[in-house]
């Protein structure tokens, strides 16, 4: 899933900060979840930044180095 653009993040936070509606109403307006709005607000308060966080690259390989070579032989 792609991260939401910074412009959308800014607009959502602008609506929340200006009390344009409830979080549920704002979520419906922008077609996002209220959980995402809470996460965005928490990220802003903790880091001062609203840029998308780096994506997890998935599970680390179970076998590496010599152990991987043993499997391939």
C-alpha atoms as a PDB file:
ATOM      1  CA  UNK A   1       0.000   0.000   0.000  1.00  0.00           C
ATOM      2  CA  UNK A   2       1.312   3.429  -0.893  1.00  0.00           C
ATOM      3  CA  UNK A   3       1.696   6.144   1.713  1.00  0.00           C
ATOM      4  CA  UNK A   4      -0.725   9.047   1.616  1.00  0.00           C
ATOM      5  CA  UNK A   5       0.728  12.180  -0.044  1.00  0.00           C
ATOM      6  CA  UNK A   6       2.042  14.976   2.148  1.00  0.00           C
ATOM      7  CA  UNK A   7      -0.599  17.376   0.752  1.00  0.00           C
ATOM      8  CA  UNK A   8      -3.408  15.121   1.993  1.00  0.00           C
ATOM      9  CA  UNK A   9      -1.726  14.829   5.390  1.00  0.00           C
ATOM     10  CA  UNK A  10      -1.479  18.622   5.637  1.00  0.00           C
ATOM     11  CA  UNK A  11      -5.124  19.167   4.659  1.00  0.00           C
ATOM     12  CA  UNK A  12      -6.433  16.560   7.088  1.00  0.00           C
ATOM     13  CA  UNK A  13      -4.416  18.063   9.939  1.00  0.00           C
ATOM     14  CA  UNK A  14      -5.572  21.557   8.970  1.00  0.00           C
ATOM     15  CA  UNK A  15      -9.206  20.430   9.251  1.00  0.00           C
ATOM     16  CA  UNK A  16      -8.535  18.702  12.585  1.00  0.00           C
ATOM     17  CA  UNK A  17      -6.638  21.711  13.987  1.00  0.00           C
ATOM     18  CA  UNK A  18      -9.384  24.137  12.897  1.00  0.00           C
ATOM     19  CA  UNK A  19     -12.132  21.886  14.320  1.00  0.00           C
ATOM     20  CA  UNK A  20     -13.954  21.788  10.978  1.00  0.00           C
ATOM     21  CA  UNK A  21     -15.756  18.642  12.123  1.00  0.00           C
ATOM     22  CA  UNK A  22     -15.328  15.527  14.189  1.00  0.00           C
ATOM     23  CA  UNK A  23     -12.568  13.100  13.310  1.00  0.00           C
ATOM     24  CA  UNK A  24     -15.199  10.730  11.928  1.00  0.00           C
ATOM     25  CA  UNK A  25     -16.566  13.443   9.631  1.00  0.00           C
ATOM     26  CA  UNK A  26     -13.085  14.487   8.512  1.00  0.00           C
ATOM     27  CA  UNK A  27     -12.160  10.855   7.865  1.00  0.00           C
ATOM     28  CA  UNK A  28     -15.219  10.432   5.647  1.00  0.00           C
ATOM     29  CA  UNK A  29     -14.497  13.729   3.842  1.00  0.00           C
ATOM     30  CA  UNK A  30     -10.996  12.616   2.873  1.00  0.00           C
ATOM     31  CA  UNK A  31     -11.743   8.892   2.576  1.00  0.00           C
ATOM     32  CA  UNK A  32      -9.250   7.899   5.287  1.00  0.00           C
ATOM     33  CA  UNK A  33      -9.721   6.070   8.569  1.00  0.00           C
ATOM     34  CA  UNK A  34     -10.020   7.670  11.976  1.00  0.00           C
ATOM     35  CA  UNK A  35      -7.234   5.339  13.103  1.00  0.00           C
ATOM     36  CA  UNK A  36      -4.942   6.851  10.442  1.00  0.00           C
ATOM     37  CA  UNK A  37      -5.806  10.356  11.670  1.00  0.00           C
ATOM     38  CA  UNK A  38      -4.919   9.332  15.244  1.00  0.00           C
ATOM     39  CA  UNK A  39      -1.620   7.849  14.020  1.00  0.00           C
ATOM     40  CA  UNK A  40      -0.832  11.027  12.075  1.00  0.00           C
ATOM     41  CA  UNK A  41      -1.562  13.211  15.099  1.00  0.00           C
ATOM     42  CA  UNK A  42       0.602  10.989  17.311  1.00  0.00           C
ATOM     43  CA  UNK A  43       3.458  11.068  14.794  1.00  0.00           C
ATOM     44  CA  UNK A  44       3.286  14.866  14.624  1.00  0.00           C
ATOM     45  CA  UNK A  45       3.320  15.230  18.398  1.00  0.00           C
ATOM     46  CA  UNK A  46       6.173  12.760  18.894  1.00  0.00           C
ATOM     47  CA  UNK A  47       8.449  13.717  15.995  1.00  0.00           C
ATOM     48  CA  UNK A  48       7.190  17.092  14.808  1.00  0.00           C
ATOM     49  CA  UNK A  49       7.035  15.662  11.288  1.00  0.00           C
ATOM     50  CA  UNK A  50       4.159  14.316   9.193  1.00  0.00           C
ATOM     51  CA  UNK A  51       6.166  12.775   6.353  1.00  0.00           C
ATOM     52  CA  UNK A  52       5.467   9.119   5.611  1.00  0.00           C
ATOM     53  CA  UNK A  53       7.552   6.735   7.683  1.00  0.00           C
ATOM     54  CA  UNK A  54       9.868   4.288   5.920  1.00  0.00           C
ATOM     55  CA  UNK A  55       8.120   1.083   4.925  1.00  0.00           C
ATOM     56  CA  UNK A  56       9.043  -2.197   6.568  1.00  0.00           C
ATOM     57  CA  UNK A  57      10.973  -4.351   4.131  1.00  0.00           C
ATOM     58  CA  UNK A  58       9.376  -7.538   5.368  1.00  0.00           C
ATOM     59  CA  UNK A  59      10.673 -10.507   7.258  1.00  0.00           C
ATOM     60  CA  UNK A  60      14.410 -10.988   7.521  1.00  0.00           C
ATOM     61  CA  UNK A  61      15.797 -14.176   5.922  1.00  0.00           C
ATOM     62  CA  UNK A  62      15.844 -17.152   8.286  1.00  0.00           C
ATOM     63  CA  UNK A  63      19.051 -18.506   6.756  1.00  0.00           C
ATOM     64  CA  UNK A  64      22.134 -16.448   5.946  1.00  0.00           C
ATOM     65  CA  UNK A  65      25.781 -17.006   5.213  1.00  0.00           C
ATOM     66  CA  UNK A  66      27.060 -20.509   5.903  1.00  0.00           C
ATOM     67  CA  UNK A  67      23.615 -21.818   6.820  1.00  0.00           C
ATOM     68  CA  UNK A  68      22.207 -20.674   3.487  1.00  0.00           C
ATOM     69  CA  UNK A  69      25.100 -22.300   1.655  1.00  0.00           C
ATOM     70  CA  UNK A  70      24.364 -25.596   3.424  1.00  0.00           C
ATOM     71  CA  UNK A  71      20.782 -25.462   2.205  1.00  0.00           C
ATOM     72  CA  UNK A  72      21.813 -24.786  -1.387  1.00  0.00           C
ATOM     73  CA  UNK A  73      24.375 -27.611  -1.530  1.00  0.00           C
END
